[in-house]
Amino acid sequence: MNLKGGSTMANTEFEIRGLCHLALVCEDMERTVDFYTNVLGMELKKTIAMPGGGQHFFFDMGNDSYLAFFWFPNAPKKAPGIASAESLPGLGDIATAHGSMNHVAFTVPLEKFDEYKARLDAKGVQTGPVLNHDDSERGVAAEMHDGVFVRSMYFFDPDGVLLEFAAWTRELNEDDVNLAPVNAEGVPSTAVGA
């Protein structure tokens, strides 16, 4: 993986150029617009009135990628711990149901990571602890070291959508693919990286 320009391996099946948009569902579109524009600084780029009174709004994440929200008049209420994370990573359980969207990670510059944490704190956004992700048994380190591959901080939006600011600390390489996927029973496949 080339962190500056995407994958170094060409997709021979489809010419996928990155994330177009991720569509989430909010409880209050006005509150959502306020959070994503005034707290996170994203520009609202498109609003759509849907049949039946719903709305579909698009926020610019940069690099031709959008974060989209639906508002449905009769949507089911949120279900933390089932359809969304119940807690911030580092503070509690983040498991969500099969088929759910666990979190949205935004890439931020490593050199601005601490500044961005301070900005979120100043805006009254509760963030979890800074997590220095590494390949240790615990998966995170208290301090930075050569094995840390990404620094993360997590926070919730007003609807409980788990968000992450992630800053890559090094290039990923073939040594970073070293686990066989498990099946539904937790049994590893025979192919590593399959």
N, C-alpha and C. Protein backbone atom coordinates (compact mmCIF):
# COMPACT_ATOMS: atom_id res chain seq x y z
N MET A 1 0.84 -1.18 0.00
CA MET A 1 0.00 0.00 0.00
C MET A 1 0.88 1.24 0.00
N ASN A 2 0.58 2.16 -0.85
CA ASN A 2 1.27 3.44 -0.90
C ASN A 2 0.35 4.46 -0.25
N LEU A 3 0.73 5.00 0.90
CA LEU A 3 -0.15 5.88 1.65
C LEU A 3 -0.36 7.22 0.99
N LYS A 4 0.46 7.60 0.06
CA LYS A 4 0.29 8.89 -0.61
C LYS A 4 -0.56 8.77 -1.86
N GLY A 5 -0.64 7.62 -2.47
CA GLY A 5 -1.36 7.50 -3.72
C GLY A 5 -2.21 6.26 -3.85
N GLY A 6 -2.51 5.57 -2.77
CA GLY A 6 -3.34 4.38 -2.83
C GLY A 6 -2.51 3.12 -2.99
N SER A 7 -3.18 2.08 -3.39
CA SER A 7 -2.55 0.77 -3.51
C SER A 7 -1.55 0.75 -4.66
N THR A 8 -0.45 0.04 -4.46
CA THR A 8 0.53 -0.13 -5.53
C THR A 8 0.13 -1.30 -6.43
N MET A 9 -0.84 -2.13 -6.00
CA MET A 9 -1.34 -3.23 -6.82
C MET A 9 -2.54 -2.71 -7.61
N ALA A 10 -2.57 -2.96 -8.90
CA ALA A 10 -3.68 -2.52 -9.73
C ALA A 10 -4.85 -3.47 -9.57
N ASN A 11 -6.05 -2.92 -9.49
CA ASN A 11 -7.25 -3.72 -9.47
C ASN A 11 -7.54 -4.12 -10.92
N THR A 12 -7.47 -5.40 -11.20
CA THR A 12 -7.67 -5.86 -12.57
C THR A 12 -9.14 -6.13 -12.88
N GLU A 13 -10.02 -6.04 -11.89
CA GLU A 13 -11.44 -6.30 -12.09
C GLU A 13 -12.24 -5.02 -12.33
N PHE A 14 -11.98 -3.99 -11.51
CA PHE A 14 -12.73 -2.75 -11.58
C PHE A 14 -11.79 -1.58 -11.34
N GLU A 15 -12.03 -0.46 -11.96
CA GLU A 15 -11.24 0.74 -11.72
C GLU A 15 -11.90 1.53 -10.60
N ILE A 16 -11.65 1.11 -9.37
CA ILE A 16 -12.21 1.78 -8.19
C ILE A 16 -11.22 2.84 -7.75
N ARG A 17 -11.70 4.06 -7.63
CA ARG A 17 -10.82 5.19 -7.36
C ARG A 17 -10.91 5.71 -5.93
N GLY A 18 -11.45 4.93 -5.03
CA GLY A 18 -11.56 5.37 -3.64
C GLY A 18 -13.00 5.44 -3.20
N LEU A 19 -13.24 6.04 -2.08
CA LEU A 19 -14.57 6.15 -1.49
C LEU A 19 -15.35 7.27 -2.16
N CYS A 20 -16.52 6.96 -2.72
CA CYS A 20 -17.40 8.00 -3.25
C CYS A 20 -18.13 8.64 -2.07
N HIS A 21 -18.89 7.83 -1.35
CA HIS A 21 -19.54 8.32 -0.13
C HIS A 21 -19.91 7.15 0.76
N LEU A 22 -20.08 7.45 2.01
CA LEU A 22 -20.57 6.52 3.00
C LEU A 22 -21.88 7.10 3.49
N ALA A 23 -22.96 6.35 3.42
CA ALA A 23 -24.28 6.85 3.79
C ALA A 23 -24.68 6.33 5.17
N LEU A 24 -24.99 7.25 6.06
CA LEU A 24 -25.41 6.95 7.43
C LEU A 24 -26.82 7.50 7.63
N VAL A 25 -27.42 7.21 8.76
CA VAL A 25 -28.77 7.71 9.07
C VAL A 25 -28.70 8.53 10.35
N CYS A 26 -29.27 9.74 10.30
CA CYS A 26 -29.28 10.60 11.49
C CYS A 26 -30.69 10.75 12.04
N GLU A 27 -30.79 11.20 13.28
CA GLU A 27 -32.07 11.43 13.94
C GLU A 27 -32.56 12.86 13.70
N ASP A 28 -31.61 13.80 13.52
CA ASP A 28 -31.94 15.23 13.42
C ASP A 28 -30.98 15.85 12.41
N MET A 29 -31.46 16.12 11.19
CA MET A 29 -30.58 16.63 10.15
C MET A 29 -30.00 18.00 10.50
N GLU A 30 -30.77 18.83 11.14
CA GLU A 30 -30.27 20.15 11.53
C GLU A 30 -29.07 20.03 12.47
N ARG A 31 -29.18 19.18 13.45
CA ARG A 31 -28.09 18.93 14.40
C ARG A 31 -26.89 18.31 13.70
N THR A 32 -27.13 17.41 12.75
CA THR A 32 -26.07 16.78 11.98
C THR A 32 -25.32 17.81 11.13
N VAL A 33 -26.06 18.69 10.46
CA VAL A 33 -25.42 19.74 9.65
C VAL A 33 -24.57 20.63 10.55
N ASP A 34 -25.09 21.00 11.70
CA ASP A 34 -24.33 21.85 12.63
C ASP A 34 -23.02 21.17 13.05
N PHE A 35 -23.06 19.89 13.41
CA PHE A 35 -21.87 19.18 13.87
C PHE A 35 -20.83 19.05 12.76
N TYR A 36 -21.24 18.57 11.59
CA TYR A 36 -20.27 18.31 10.53
C TYR A 36 -19.74 19.58 9.88
N THR A 37 -20.52 20.67 9.87
CA THR A 37 -20.02 21.92 9.30
C THR A 37 -19.29 22.77 10.34
N ASN A 38 -19.89 22.96 11.50
CA ASN A 38 -19.32 23.87 12.50
C ASN A 38 -18.29 23.24 13.42
N VAL A 39 -18.40 21.95 13.71
CA VAL A 39 -17.42 21.29 14.57
C VAL A 39 -16.29 20.69 13.74
N LEU A 40 -16.63 19.90 12.70
CA LEU A 40 -15.60 19.24 11.90
C LEU A 40 -15.18 20.04 10.67
N GLY A 41 -15.91 21.09 10.35
CA GLY A 41 -15.50 21.99 9.26
C GLY A 41 -15.73 21.47 7.85
N MET A 42 -16.58 20.46 7.69
CA MET A 42 -16.88 19.95 6.35
C MET A 42 -17.90 20.86 5.68
N GLU A 43 -17.79 20.97 4.35
CA GLU A 43 -18.73 21.78 3.60
C GLU A 43 -19.92 20.92 3.18
N LEU A 44 -21.13 21.43 3.40
CA LEU A 44 -22.33 20.78 2.91
C LEU A 44 -22.41 21.03 1.42
N LYS A 45 -22.37 19.98 0.60
CA LYS A 45 -22.26 20.13 -0.85
C LYS A 45 -23.54 19.81 -1.62
N LYS A 46 -24.43 19.00 -1.06
CA LYS A 46 -25.63 18.60 -1.80
C LYS A 46 -26.73 18.25 -0.82
N THR A 47 -27.94 18.74 -1.11
CA THR A 47 -29.12 18.38 -0.32
C THR A 47 -30.18 17.84 -1.26
N ILE A 48 -30.83 16.76 -0.85
CA ILE A 48 -31.84 16.11 -1.67
C ILE A 48 -33.09 15.89 -0.83
N ALA A 49 -34.24 16.33 -1.37
CA ALA A 49 -35.53 16.02 -0.76
C ALA A 49 -35.98 14.67 -1.32
N MET A 50 -36.35 13.77 -0.42
CA MET A 50 -36.72 12.42 -0.85
C MET A 50 -38.23 12.25 -0.81
N PRO A 51 -38.75 11.34 -1.63
CA PRO A 51 -40.19 11.03 -1.56
C PRO A 51 -40.55 10.59 -0.14
N GLY A 52 -41.69 10.99 0.32
CA GLY A 52 -42.12 10.62 1.67
C GLY A 52 -41.61 11.55 2.75
N GLY A 53 -40.95 12.64 2.36
CA GLY A 53 -40.51 13.63 3.34
C GLY A 53 -39.11 13.46 3.88
N GLY A 54 -38.37 12.48 3.43
CA GLY A 54 -37.01 12.27 3.91
C GLY A 54 -36.02 13.24 3.29
N GLN A 55 -34.80 13.22 3.79
CA GLN A 55 -33.72 14.05 3.27
C GLN A 55 -32.45 13.21 3.11
N HIS A 56 -31.59 13.65 2.16
CA HIS A 56 -30.29 12.99 1.93
C HIS A 56 -29.29 14.11 1.66
N PHE A 57 -28.33 14.32 2.59
CA PHE A 57 -27.36 15.42 2.51
C PHE A 57 -25.95 14.86 2.39
N PHE A 58 -25.10 15.57 1.63
CA PHE A 58 -23.73 15.15 1.38
C PHE A 58 -22.74 16.19 1.90
N PHE A 59 -21.76 15.76 2.69
CA PHE A 59 -20.69 16.61 3.21
C PHE A 59 -19.37 16.24 2.55
N ASP A 60 -18.59 17.22 2.17
CA ASP A 60 -17.31 17.01 1.49
C ASP A 60 -16.24 16.60 2.50
N MET A 61 -15.68 15.39 2.33
CA MET A 61 -14.59 14.91 3.18
C MET A 61 -13.23 15.20 2.55
N GLY A 62 -13.20 15.73 1.32
CA GLY A 62 -11.95 15.95 0.61
C GLY A 62 -11.63 14.79 -0.31
N ASN A 63 -10.75 15.02 -1.26
CA ASN A 63 -10.31 13.99 -2.20
C ASN A 63 -11.47 13.31 -2.92
N ASP A 64 -12.48 14.08 -3.29
CA ASP A 64 -13.66 13.57 -4.00
C ASP A 64 -14.41 12.49 -3.23
N SER A 65 -14.40 12.56 -1.90
CA SER A 65 -15.12 11.62 -1.05
C SER A 65 -16.13 12.39 -0.21
N TYR A 66 -17.28 11.77 -0.01
CA TYR A 66 -18.36 12.42 0.73
C TYR A 66 -18.87 11.55 1.85
N LEU A 67 -19.33 12.20 2.90
CA LEU A 67 -20.04 11.55 3.99
C LEU A 67 -21.49 11.98 3.82
N ALA A 68 -22.37 11.02 3.64
CA ALA A 68 -23.78 11.32 3.38
C ALA A 68 -24.64 10.87 4.55
N PHE A 69 -25.73 11.59 4.76
CA PHE A 69 -26.68 11.24 5.80
C PHE A 69 -28.09 11.22 5.23
N PHE A 70 -28.84 10.20 5.63
CA PHE A 70 -30.27 10.16 5.38
C PHE A 70 -30.97 10.62 6.65
N TRP A 71 -32.12 11.25 6.48
CA TRP A 71 -33.07 11.45 7.57
C TRP A 71 -34.39 10.90 7.07
N PHE A 72 -34.92 9.91 7.78
CA PHE A 72 -36.19 9.28 7.45
C PHE A 72 -37.20 9.64 8.52
N PRO A 73 -38.41 10.09 8.16
CA PRO A 73 -39.39 10.49 9.16
C PRO A 73 -39.75 9.38 10.15
N ASN A 74 -39.74 8.13 9.73
CA ASN A 74 -40.17 7.02 10.61
C ASN A 74 -39.07 6.00 10.84
N ALA A 75 -37.81 6.45 10.87
CA ALA A 75 -36.70 5.51 11.06
C ALA A 75 -36.74 4.91 12.47
N PRO A 76 -36.33 3.66 12.60
CA PRO A 76 -36.23 3.08 13.95
C PRO A 76 -35.22 3.85 14.79
N LYS A 77 -35.40 3.87 16.08
CA LYS A 77 -34.47 4.54 17.00
C LYS A 77 -33.12 3.82 17.01
N LYS A 78 -32.08 4.56 17.41
CA LYS A 78 -30.75 3.96 17.45
C LYS A 78 -30.68 2.85 18.49
N ALA A 79 -29.73 1.94 18.29
CA ALA A 79 -29.57 0.78 19.17
C ALA A 79 -28.10 0.60 19.50
N PRO A 80 -27.54 1.45 20.42
CA PRO A 80 -26.12 1.31 20.78
C PRO A 80 -25.82 -0.10 21.29
N GLY A 81 -24.67 -0.60 20.89
CA GLY A 81 -24.27 -1.94 21.27
C GLY A 81 -24.80 -3.01 20.33
N ILE A 82 -25.68 -2.60 19.42
CA ILE A 82 -26.22 -3.51 18.41
C ILE A 82 -25.84 -2.99 17.04
N ALA A 83 -26.40 -1.84 16.68
CA ALA A 83 -26.15 -1.27 15.36
C ALA A 83 -25.07 -0.21 15.37
N SER A 84 -24.66 0.22 16.54
CA SER A 84 -23.59 1.21 16.66
C SER A 84 -22.76 0.89 17.90
N ALA A 85 -21.55 1.41 17.93
CA ALA A 85 -20.67 1.15 19.07
C ALA A 85 -21.29 1.74 20.34
N GLU A 86 -21.13 1.02 21.43
CA GLU A 86 -21.68 1.46 22.70
C GLU A 86 -20.72 2.39 23.43
N SER A 87 -19.43 2.28 23.12
CA SER A 87 -18.41 3.01 23.86
C SER A 87 -17.32 3.47 22.91
N LEU A 88 -16.49 4.39 23.37
CA LEU A 88 -15.33 4.81 22.61
C LEU A 88 -14.23 3.76 22.76
N PRO A 89 -13.48 3.47 21.68
CA PRO A 89 -12.35 2.54 21.80
C PRO A 89 -11.39 3.01 22.90
N GLY A 90 -10.95 2.06 23.68
CA GLY A 90 -10.08 2.38 24.81
C GLY A 90 -10.85 2.63 26.09
N LEU A 91 -12.18 2.79 25.98
CA LEU A 91 -13.01 3.05 27.16
C LEU A 91 -14.07 1.98 27.39
N GLY A 92 -14.27 1.08 26.43
CA GLY A 92 -15.29 0.05 26.60
C GLY A 92 -15.50 -0.74 25.33
N ASP A 93 -16.58 -1.49 25.30
CA ASP A 93 -16.87 -2.41 24.20
C ASP A 93 -17.28 -1.64 22.95
N ILE A 94 -16.67 -1.99 21.81
CA ILE A 94 -17.01 -1.34 20.54
C ILE A 94 -17.62 -2.32 19.54
N ALA A 95 -17.90 -3.56 19.96
CA ALA A 95 -18.47 -4.55 19.05
C ALA A 95 -19.85 -4.10 18.59
N THR A 96 -20.14 -4.32 17.31
CA THR A 96 -21.46 -4.03 16.76
C THR A 96 -21.94 -5.25 15.98
N ALA A 97 -23.21 -5.25 15.63
CA ALA A 97 -23.83 -6.40 14.96
C ALA A 97 -23.27 -6.62 13.57
N HIS A 98 -23.39 -7.87 13.10
CA HIS A 98 -23.02 -8.18 11.71
C HIS A 98 -23.83 -7.28 10.79
N GLY A 99 -23.18 -6.74 9.78
CA GLY A 99 -23.86 -5.88 8.81
C GLY A 99 -23.97 -4.43 9.24
N SER A 100 -23.52 -4.11 10.43
CA SER A 100 -23.58 -2.72 10.88
C SER A 100 -22.36 -1.95 10.40
N MET A 101 -22.41 -0.64 10.48
CA MET A 101 -21.26 0.21 10.18
C MET A 101 -20.64 0.55 11.53
N ASN A 102 -19.42 0.11 11.79
CA ASN A 102 -18.81 0.29 13.10
C ASN A 102 -18.30 1.70 13.32
N HIS A 103 -17.53 2.24 12.39
CA HIS A 103 -17.05 3.62 12.53
C HIS A 103 -16.58 4.17 11.19
N VAL A 104 -16.43 5.49 11.16
CA VAL A 104 -15.91 6.19 9.98
C VAL A 104 -14.57 6.79 10.38
N ALA A 105 -13.52 6.44 9.65
CA ALA A 105 -12.18 6.96 9.95
C ALA A 105 -11.80 8.01 8.90
N PHE A 106 -11.41 9.17 9.37
CA PHE A 106 -10.92 10.24 8.51
C PHE A 106 -9.41 10.30 8.64
N THR A 107 -8.69 10.29 7.52
CA THR A 107 -7.24 10.43 7.54
C THR A 107 -6.89 11.87 7.86
N VAL A 108 -6.00 12.07 8.82
CA VAL A 108 -5.51 13.41 9.16
C VAL A 108 -3.98 13.38 9.13
N PRO A 109 -3.34 14.54 8.93
CA PRO A 109 -1.88 14.57 8.90
C PRO A 109 -1.29 14.24 10.27
N LEU A 110 -0.26 13.41 10.28
CA LEU A 110 0.38 13.02 11.53
C LEU A 110 0.89 14.23 12.30
N GLU A 111 1.46 15.20 11.59
CA GLU A 111 2.03 16.38 12.27
C GLU A 111 0.96 17.27 12.90
N LYS A 112 -0.32 17.06 12.57
CA LYS A 112 -1.40 17.88 13.15
C LYS A 112 -2.27 17.09 14.12
N PHE A 113 -1.91 15.84 14.36
CA PHE A 113 -2.74 14.95 15.18
C PHE A 113 -3.02 15.55 16.56
N ASP A 114 -1.98 15.94 17.30
CA ASP A 114 -2.17 16.48 18.65
C ASP A 114 -2.94 17.80 18.63
N GLU A 115 -2.67 18.62 17.62
CA GLU A 115 -3.40 19.88 17.47
C GLU A 115 -4.89 19.61 17.26
N TYR A 116 -5.22 18.61 16.44
CA TYR A 116 -6.62 18.30 16.16
C TYR A 116 -7.32 17.74 17.41
N LYS A 117 -6.60 16.98 18.22
CA LYS A 117 -7.20 16.51 19.48
C LYS A 117 -7.54 17.70 20.36
N ALA A 118 -6.61 18.65 20.47
CA ALA A 118 -6.86 19.85 21.27
C ALA A 118 -8.05 20.65 20.73
N ARG A 119 -8.18 20.72 19.41
CA ARG A 119 -9.31 21.44 18.81
C ARG A 119 -10.64 20.78 19.15
N LEU A 120 -10.68 19.45 19.05
CA LEU A 120 -11.92 18.76 19.41
C LEU A 120 -12.25 18.98 20.88
N ASP A 121 -11.25 18.88 21.74
CA ASP A 121 -11.46 19.13 23.17
C ASP A 121 -12.01 20.53 23.40
N ALA A 122 -11.44 21.53 22.71
CA ALA A 122 -11.87 22.93 22.86
C ALA A 122 -13.30 23.13 22.38
N LYS A 123 -13.74 22.31 21.43
CA LYS A 123 -15.11 22.42 20.92
C LYS A 123 -16.09 21.62 21.77
N GLY A 124 -15.60 21.02 22.86
CA GLY A 124 -16.47 20.28 23.76
C GLY A 124 -16.79 18.86 23.30
N VAL A 125 -16.01 18.34 22.36
CA VAL A 125 -16.22 16.98 21.88
C VAL A 125 -15.43 16.02 22.76
N GLN A 126 -16.13 15.05 23.38
CA GLN A 126 -15.43 14.07 24.21
C GLN A 126 -14.71 13.07 23.32
N THR A 127 -13.40 12.98 23.49
CA THR A 127 -12.62 12.00 22.74
C THR A 127 -12.14 10.92 23.70
N GLY A 128 -11.93 9.75 23.14
CA GLY A 128 -11.35 8.67 23.92
C GLY A 128 -9.85 8.89 24.01
N PRO A 129 -9.14 7.96 24.65
CA PRO A 129 -7.68 8.10 24.72
C PRO A 129 -7.04 7.98 23.34
N VAL A 130 -5.90 8.62 23.16
CA VAL A 130 -5.14 8.46 21.92
C VAL A 130 -4.62 7.02 21.91
N LEU A 131 -4.86 6.33 20.80
CA LEU A 131 -4.44 4.94 20.67
C LEU A 131 -3.33 4.86 19.62
N ASN A 132 -2.18 4.36 20.05
CA ASN A 132 -1.04 4.13 19.16
C ASN A 132 -1.10 2.66 18.75
N HIS A 133 -1.72 2.39 17.59
CA HIS A 133 -1.95 1.01 17.15
C HIS A 133 -0.63 0.36 16.71
N ASP A 134 -0.38 -0.82 17.27
CA ASP A 134 0.82 -1.59 16.92
C ASP A 134 0.44 -3.07 16.84
N ASP A 135 1.42 -3.93 16.62
CA ASP A 135 1.15 -5.36 16.50
C ASP A 135 1.40 -6.13 17.80
N SER A 136 1.39 -5.44 18.92
CA SER A 136 1.57 -6.11 20.21
C SER A 136 0.32 -6.93 20.53
N GLU A 137 0.39 -7.75 21.57
CA GLU A 137 -0.74 -8.58 21.96
C GLU A 137 -1.97 -7.73 22.26
N ARG A 138 -1.79 -6.58 22.86
CA ARG A 138 -2.89 -5.68 23.20
C ARG A 138 -3.37 -4.86 22.00
N GLY A 139 -2.49 -4.66 21.01
CA GLY A 139 -2.87 -3.93 19.80
C GLY A 139 -2.65 -2.43 19.87
N VAL A 140 -2.31 -1.93 21.05
CA VAL A 140 -2.03 -0.51 21.21
C VAL A 140 -0.89 -0.34 22.21
N ALA A 141 -0.16 0.75 22.04
CA ALA A 141 0.96 1.05 22.94
C ALA A 141 0.68 2.37 23.65
N ALA A 142 1.18 2.48 24.87
CA ALA A 142 1.01 3.72 25.64
C ALA A 142 1.82 4.85 25.03
N GLU A 143 2.95 4.52 24.44
CA GLU A 143 3.84 5.54 23.86
C GLU A 143 4.14 5.19 22.41
N MET A 144 4.57 6.19 21.67
CA MET A 144 5.00 5.98 20.28
C MET A 144 6.28 5.14 20.26
N HIS A 145 6.39 4.24 19.27
CA HIS A 145 7.61 3.47 19.02
C HIS A 145 7.61 3.08 17.55
N ASP A 146 8.68 2.48 17.06
CA ASP A 146 8.82 2.16 15.64
C ASP A 146 7.75 1.20 15.11
N GLY A 147 7.13 0.42 15.99
CA GLY A 147 6.11 -0.53 15.56
C GLY A 147 4.72 0.05 15.41
N VAL A 148 4.51 1.30 15.84
CA VAL A 148 3.20 1.93 15.71
C VAL A 148 2.98 2.25 14.23
N PHE A 149 1.83 1.81 13.69
CA PHE A 149 1.55 2.06 12.27
C PHE A 149 0.49 3.13 12.06
N VAL A 150 -0.33 3.40 13.07
CA VAL A 150 -1.33 4.48 12.95
C VAL A 150 -1.69 4.98 14.35
N ARG A 151 -1.89 6.28 14.46
CA ARG A 151 -2.38 6.90 15.71
C ARG A 151 -3.85 7.24 15.49
N SER A 152 -4.67 6.97 16.50
CA SER A 152 -6.10 7.20 16.38
C SER A 152 -6.66 7.90 17.60
N MET A 153 -7.68 8.70 17.35
CA MET A 153 -8.54 9.20 18.42
C MET A 153 -9.97 9.04 17.94
N TYR A 154 -10.84 8.66 18.83
CA TYR A 154 -12.22 8.37 18.49
C TYR A 154 -13.16 9.30 19.24
N PHE A 155 -14.31 9.57 18.61
CA PHE A 155 -15.34 10.41 19.22
C PHE A 155 -16.66 10.10 18.54
N PHE A 156 -17.76 10.48 19.18
CA PHE A 156 -19.09 10.26 18.62
C PHE A 156 -19.63 11.54 18.01
N ASP A 157 -20.43 11.38 16.95
CA ASP A 157 -21.20 12.52 16.45
C ASP A 157 -22.48 12.61 17.28
N PRO A 158 -23.35 13.58 17.04
CA PRO A 158 -24.55 13.72 17.88
C PRO A 158 -25.50 12.53 17.85
N ASP A 159 -25.44 11.68 16.81
CA ASP A 159 -26.31 10.51 16.72
C ASP A 159 -25.65 9.24 17.24
N GLY A 160 -24.43 9.35 17.76
CA GLY A 160 -23.75 8.17 18.25
C GLY A 160 -22.95 7.45 17.19
N VAL A 161 -22.74 8.07 16.01
CA VAL A 161 -21.88 7.47 15.00
C VAL A 161 -20.45 7.60 15.49
N LEU A 162 -19.75 6.48 15.54
CA LEU A 162 -18.37 6.47 16.01
C LEU A 162 -17.46 6.98 14.89
N LEU A 163 -16.71 8.05 15.18
CA LEU A 163 -15.80 8.67 14.22
C LEU A 163 -14.37 8.52 14.71
N GLU A 164 -13.43 8.51 13.78
CA GLU A 164 -12.01 8.37 14.11
C GLU A 164 -11.21 9.36 13.29
N PHE A 165 -10.25 10.01 13.92
CA PHE A 165 -9.19 10.72 13.22
C PHE A 165 -7.99 9.79 13.26
N ALA A 166 -7.50 9.39 12.09
CA ALA A 166 -6.40 8.43 12.00
C ALA A 166 -5.24 9.05 11.24
N ALA A 167 -4.03 8.91 11.79
CA ALA A 167 -2.82 9.43 11.16
C ALA A 167 -1.84 8.28 10.99
N TRP A 168 -1.57 7.92 9.74
CA TRP A 168 -0.58 6.87 9.46
C TRP A 168 0.80 7.35 9.90
N THR A 169 1.56 6.43 10.49
CA THR A 169 2.91 6.78 10.97
C THR A 169 4.01 6.17 10.11
N ARG A 170 3.63 5.21 9.25
CA ARG A 170 4.62 4.57 8.38
C ARG A 170 3.88 3.93 7.21
N GLU A 171 4.65 3.59 6.19
CA GLU A 171 4.11 2.87 5.04
C GLU A 171 3.77 1.44 5.46
N LEU A 172 2.68 0.92 4.97
CA LEU A 172 2.35 -0.48 5.17
C LEU A 172 3.05 -1.30 4.10
N ASN A 173 3.40 -2.56 4.44
CA ASN A 173 4.12 -3.40 3.48
C ASN A 173 3.61 -4.84 3.58
N GLU A 174 4.21 -5.73 2.81
CA GLU A 174 3.74 -7.12 2.77
C GLU A 174 3.81 -7.81 4.13
N ASP A 175 4.69 -7.38 5.02
CA ASP A 175 4.78 -7.97 6.36
C ASP A 175 3.56 -7.65 7.21
N ASP A 176 2.78 -6.65 6.81
CA ASP A 176 1.59 -6.25 7.57
C ASP A 176 0.39 -7.16 7.30
N VAL A 177 0.50 -8.06 6.34
CA VAL A 177 -0.56 -9.03 6.06
C VAL A 177 -0.04 -10.38 6.53
N ASN A 178 -0.39 -10.74 7.79
CA ASN A 178 0.18 -11.95 8.37
C ASN A 178 -0.82 -12.79 9.17
N LEU A 179 -2.11 -12.53 9.00
CA LEU A 179 -3.13 -13.31 9.70
C LEU A 179 -4.06 -13.97 8.70
N ALA A 180 -4.42 -15.22 8.97
CA ALA A 180 -5.42 -15.90 8.15
C ALA A 180 -6.80 -15.46 8.64
N PRO A 181 -7.74 -15.20 7.72
CA PRO A 181 -9.09 -14.84 8.15
C PRO A 181 -9.78 -16.04 8.79
N VAL A 182 -10.67 -15.76 9.74
CA VAL A 182 -11.43 -16.83 10.40
C VAL A 182 -12.83 -16.90 9.81
N ASN A 183 -13.43 -18.10 9.89
CA ASN A 183 -14.81 -18.25 9.44
C ASN A 183 -15.77 -17.90 10.57
N ALA A 184 -17.08 -18.13 10.37
CA ALA A 184 -18.08 -17.75 11.36
C ALA A 184 -17.89 -18.45 12.70
N GLU A 185 -17.25 -19.60 12.68
CA GLU A 185 -16.98 -20.34 13.93
C GLU A 185 -15.66 -19.94 14.58
N GLY A 186 -14.92 -19.02 13.95
CA GLY A 186 -13.63 -18.58 14.49
C GLY A 186 -12.47 -19.43 14.08
N VAL A 187 -12.66 -20.33 13.11
CA VAL A 187 -11.60 -21.21 12.64
C VAL A 187 -10.83 -20.51 11.53
N PRO A 188 -9.49 -20.43 11.68
CA PRO A 188 -8.71 -19.75 10.64
C PRO A 188 -8.70 -20.50 9.32
N SER A 189 -8.68 -19.72 8.24
CA SER A 189 -8.52 -20.26 6.90
C SER A 189 -7.09 -20.77 6.75
N THR A 190 -6.87 -21.55 5.74
CA THR A 190 -5.49 -22.03 5.49
C THR A 190 -4.68 -21.03 4.71
N ALA A 191 -5.32 -20.00 4.14
CA ALA A 191 -4.61 -19.01 3.33
C ALA A 191 -4.44 -17.71 4.13
N VAL A 192 -3.19 -17.27 4.28
CA VAL A 192 -2.92 -16.00 4.96
C VAL A 192 -3.24 -14.88 3.99
N GLY A 193 -3.99 -13.88 4.49
CA GLY A 193 -4.33 -12.72 3.67
C GLY A 193 -5.36 -13.03 2.60
N ALA A 194 -6.04 -14.19 2.72
CA ALA A 194 -7.05 -14.57 1.71
C ALA A 194 -8.30 -13.75 1.84
